[in-house]
Amino acid sequence: MLKVKKGPRVLRVDDSAAENYKKLGYTVMTMDNKVIFTPVTDKDIAAQLTEENADLKAEVARLTHAVNVLEDRLKEYGDTSPAEADTAPGKKGARTKKPPDDKA
C-alpha cells in the first residue's frame, strides 16, 4: 500500500494504481510518509526556464561583444564587411556581369 497526495486530499492506493496517480499529478508516498515521487509543477518549469533564459542572455551578450571586437579589427586592417565584400566591384567573387541564361 502507498499513499498519494494532491492538495489536501490524501488517499491510500494499491502499488499498481500508484502509476496512474503519478500521471494525474499526485505525490506518491510510502505509508510512513517517505516521498517516492513528486510531480513537476509549473513553478518548477518556470524557474528552470527563467534560469536558462538568463544564461542565454549572458551568452548573447558575450557573443555580441566578440562580434564587435572582430568588426573593429577588420576596420583596422581596412577590410570591408563580408556583406560589402560580396558585391564590391573588382573583388574576387563579385558579380560584374549577368549570369548566362541556360535555355538549352
C-alpha atoms as a PDB file:
ATOM      1  CA  MET A   1       0.000   0.000   0.000  1.00  0.00           C
ATOM      2  CA  LEU A   2       1.045   3.538  -0.768  1.00  0.00           C
ATOM      3  CA  LYS A   3      -0.330   6.999  -0.096  1.00  0.00           C
ATOM      4  CA  VAL A   4      -0.968   9.579  -2.781  1.00  0.00           C
ATOM      5  CA  LYS A   5      -1.492  13.260  -2.074  1.00  0.00           C
ATOM      6  CA  LYS A   6      -2.713  16.198  -4.117  1.00  0.00           C
ATOM      7  CA  GLY A   7      -3.581  19.358  -2.250  1.00  0.00           C
ATOM      8  CA  PRO A   8      -5.432  18.454   0.958  1.00  0.00           C
ATOM      9  CA  ARG A   9      -6.552  15.073  -0.433  1.00  0.00           C
ATOM     10  CA  VAL A  10      -4.636  12.009   0.813  1.00  0.00           C
ATOM     11  CA  LEU A  11      -5.611   8.550  -0.453  1.00  0.00           C
ATOM     12  CA  ARG A  12      -4.373   5.042   0.225  1.00  0.00           C
ATOM     13  CA  VAL A  13      -3.864   3.154  -3.011  1.00  0.00           C
ATOM     14  CA  ASP A  14      -2.526  -0.158  -4.219  1.00  0.00           C
ATOM     15  CA  ASP A  15       1.037  -0.246  -5.571  1.00  0.00           C
ATOM     16  CA  SER A  16      -0.271  -0.936  -9.074  1.00  0.00           C
ATOM     17  CA  ALA A  17      -2.597   2.108  -9.008  1.00  0.00           C
ATOM     18  CA  ALA A  18       0.189   4.493  -7.959  1.00  0.00           C
ATOM     19  CA  GLU A  19       1.383   4.808 -11.577  1.00  0.00           C
ATOM     20  CA  ASN A  20      -1.983   6.209 -12.650  1.00  0.00           C
ATOM     21  CA  TYR A  21      -1.946   8.733  -9.816  1.00  0.00           C
ATOM     22  CA  LYS A  22       1.563   9.865 -10.856  1.00  0.00           C
ATOM     23  CA  LYS A  23       0.169  10.727 -14.273  1.00  0.00           C
ATOM     24  CA  LEU A  24      -2.579  12.754 -12.609  1.00  0.00           C
ATOM     25  CA  GLY A  25      -0.033  14.863 -10.700  1.00  0.00           C
ATOM     26  CA  TYR A  26      -0.243  13.266  -7.265  1.00  0.00           C
ATOM     27  CA  THR A  27       2.700  12.981  -4.884  1.00  0.00           C
ATOM     28  CA  VAL A  28       3.347   9.302  -4.089  1.00  0.00           C
ATOM     29  CA  MET A  29       4.489   8.379  -0.573  1.00  0.00           C
ATOM     30  CA  THR A  30       5.033   5.264   1.490  1.00  0.00           C
ATOM     31  CA  MET A  31       2.733   4.590   4.413  1.00  0.00           C
ATOM     32  CA  ASP A  32       5.282   6.220   6.750  1.00  0.00           C
ATOM     33  CA  ASN A  33       5.248   9.451   4.630  1.00  0.00           C
ATOM     34  CA  LYS A  34       8.559   8.996   2.781  1.00  0.00           C
ATOM     35  CA  VAL A  35       8.168  10.683  -0.597  1.00  0.00           C
ATOM     36  CA  ILE A  36       8.728   8.366  -3.555  1.00  0.00           C
ATOM     37  CA  PHE A  37       7.610  10.652  -6.391  1.00  0.00           C
ATOM     38  CA  THR A  38       6.977  14.383  -6.625  1.00  0.00           C
ATOM     39  CA  PRO A  39       5.331  15.750  -9.776  1.00  0.00           C
ATOM     40  CA  VAL A  40       6.922  18.579 -11.726  1.00  0.00           C
ATOM     41  CA  THR A  41       4.882  21.739 -11.274  1.00  0.00           C
ATOM     42  CA  ASP A  42       4.506  24.797 -13.471  1.00  0.00           C
ATOM     43  CA  LYS A  43       6.523  26.777 -10.930  1.00  0.00           C
ATOM     44  CA  ASP A  44       9.428  24.331 -11.283  1.00  0.00           C
ATOM     45  CA  ILE A  45       9.334  24.634 -15.056  1.00  0.00           C
ATOM     46  CA  ALA A  46       9.095  28.431 -14.875  1.00  0.00           C
ATOM     47  CA  ALA A  47      12.103  28.619 -12.538  1.00  0.00           C
ATOM     48  CA  GLN A  48      14.130  26.375 -14.821  1.00  0.00           C
ATOM     49  CA  LEU A  49      13.209  28.417 -17.908  1.00  0.00           C
ATOM     50  CA  THR A  50      13.997  31.695 -16.152  1.00  0.00           C
ATOM     51  CA  GLU A  51      17.452  30.417 -15.248  1.00  0.00           C
ATOM     52  CA  GLU A  52      18.037  29.133 -18.783  1.00  0.00           C
ATOM     53  CA  ASN A  53      16.876  32.473 -20.216  1.00  0.00           C
ATOM     54  CA  ALA A  54      19.369  34.374 -18.044  1.00  0.00           C
ATOM     55  CA  ASP A  55      22.170  32.061 -19.192  1.00  0.00           C
ATOM     56  CA  LEU A  56      21.222  32.547 -22.848  1.00  0.00           C
ATOM     57  CA  LYS A  57      21.087  36.337 -22.463  1.00  0.00           C
ATOM     58  CA  ALA A  58      24.597  36.290 -20.997  1.00  0.00           C
ATOM     59  CA  GLU A  59      25.787  34.144 -23.907  1.00  0.00           C
ATOM     60  CA  VAL A  60      24.215  36.549 -26.434  1.00  0.00           C
ATOM     61  CA  ALA A  61      25.923  39.498 -24.731  1.00  0.00           C
ATOM     62  CA  ARG A  62      29.282  37.697 -24.815  1.00  0.00           C
ATOM     63  CA  LEU A  63      28.921  36.789 -28.487  1.00  0.00           C
ATOM     64  CA  THR A  64      27.772  40.305 -29.412  1.00  0.00           C
ATOM     65  CA  HIS A  65      30.877  41.714 -27.764  1.00  0.00           C
ATOM     66  CA  ALA A  66      33.069  39.227 -29.637  1.00  0.00           C
ATOM     67  CA  VAL A  67      31.475  40.217 -32.958  1.00  0.00           C
ATOM     68  CA  ASN A  68      32.042  43.907 -32.205  1.00  0.00           C
ATOM     69  CA  VAL A  69      35.705  43.250 -31.402  1.00  0.00           C
ATOM     70  CA  LEU A  70      36.162  41.334 -34.649  1.00  0.00           C
ATOM     71  CA  GLU A  71      34.443  44.070 -36.667  1.00  0.00           C
ATOM     72  CA  ASP A  72      36.801  46.645 -35.095  1.00  0.00           C
ATOM     73  CA  ARG A  73      39.808  44.513 -36.071  1.00  0.00           C
ATOM     74  CA  LEU A  74      38.540  44.316 -39.644  1.00  0.00           C
ATOM     75  CA  LYS A  75      38.234  48.099 -39.770  1.00  0.00           C
ATOM     76  CA  GLU A  76      41.826  48.452 -38.509  1.00  0.00           C
ATOM     77  CA  TYR A  77      43.092  46.363 -41.413  1.00  0.00           C
ATOM     78  CA  GLY A  78      40.996  48.283 -43.935  1.00  0.00           C
ATOM     79  CA  ASP A  79      38.874  45.314 -44.926  1.00  0.00           C
ATOM     80  CA  THR A  80      35.235  45.787 -45.768  1.00  0.00           C
ATOM     81  CA  SER A  81      32.498  43.889 -44.060  1.00  0.00           C
ATOM     82  CA  PRO A  82      31.615  40.468 -45.519  1.00  0.00           C
ATOM     83  CA  ALA A  83      28.327  41.814 -46.904  1.00  0.00           C
ATOM     84  CA  GLU A  84      30.138  44.587 -48.781  1.00  0.00           C
ATOM     85  CA  ALA A  85      32.905  42.255 -49.995  1.00  0.00           C
ATOM     86  CA  ASP A  86      30.424  40.083 -51.915  1.00  0.00           C
ATOM     87  CA  THR A  87      29.150  42.966 -54.031  1.00  0.00           C
ATOM     88  CA  ALA A  88      32.161  45.268 -54.265  1.00  0.00           C
ATOM     89  CA  PRO A  89      33.399  45.589 -57.883  1.00  0.00           C
ATOM     90  CA  GLY A  90      36.821  44.147 -58.598  1.00  0.00           C
ATOM     91  CA  LYS A  91      36.752  41.804 -55.637  1.00  0.00           C
ATOM     92  CA  LYS A  92      37.122  38.118 -56.239  1.00  0.00           C
ATOM     93  CA  GLY A  93      33.714  36.522 -56.469  1.00  0.00           C
ATOM     94  CA  ALA A  94      31.984  39.834 -57.172  1.00  0.00           C
ATOM     95  CA  ARG A  95      29.228  39.797 -59.734  1.00  0.00           C
ATOM     96  CA  THR A  96      30.247  42.128 -62.549  1.00  0.00           C
ATOM     97  CA  LYS A  97      28.176  40.530 -65.296  1.00  0.00           C
ATOM     98  CA  LYS A  98      24.793  38.974 -65.507  1.00  0.00           C
ATOM     99  CA  PRO A  99      24.902  35.179 -65.205  1.00  0.00           C
ATOM    100  CA  PRO A 100      24.288  33.467 -68.570  1.00  0.00           C
ATOM    101  CA  ASP A 101      20.768  32.187 -69.238  1.00  0.00           C
ATOM    102  CA  ASP A 102      20.684  28.432 -69.640  1.00  0.00           C
ATOM    103  CA  LYS A 103      17.963  27.979 -72.239  1.00  0.00           C
ATOM    104  CA  ALA A 104      19.478  24.926 -73.837  1.00  0.00           C
END
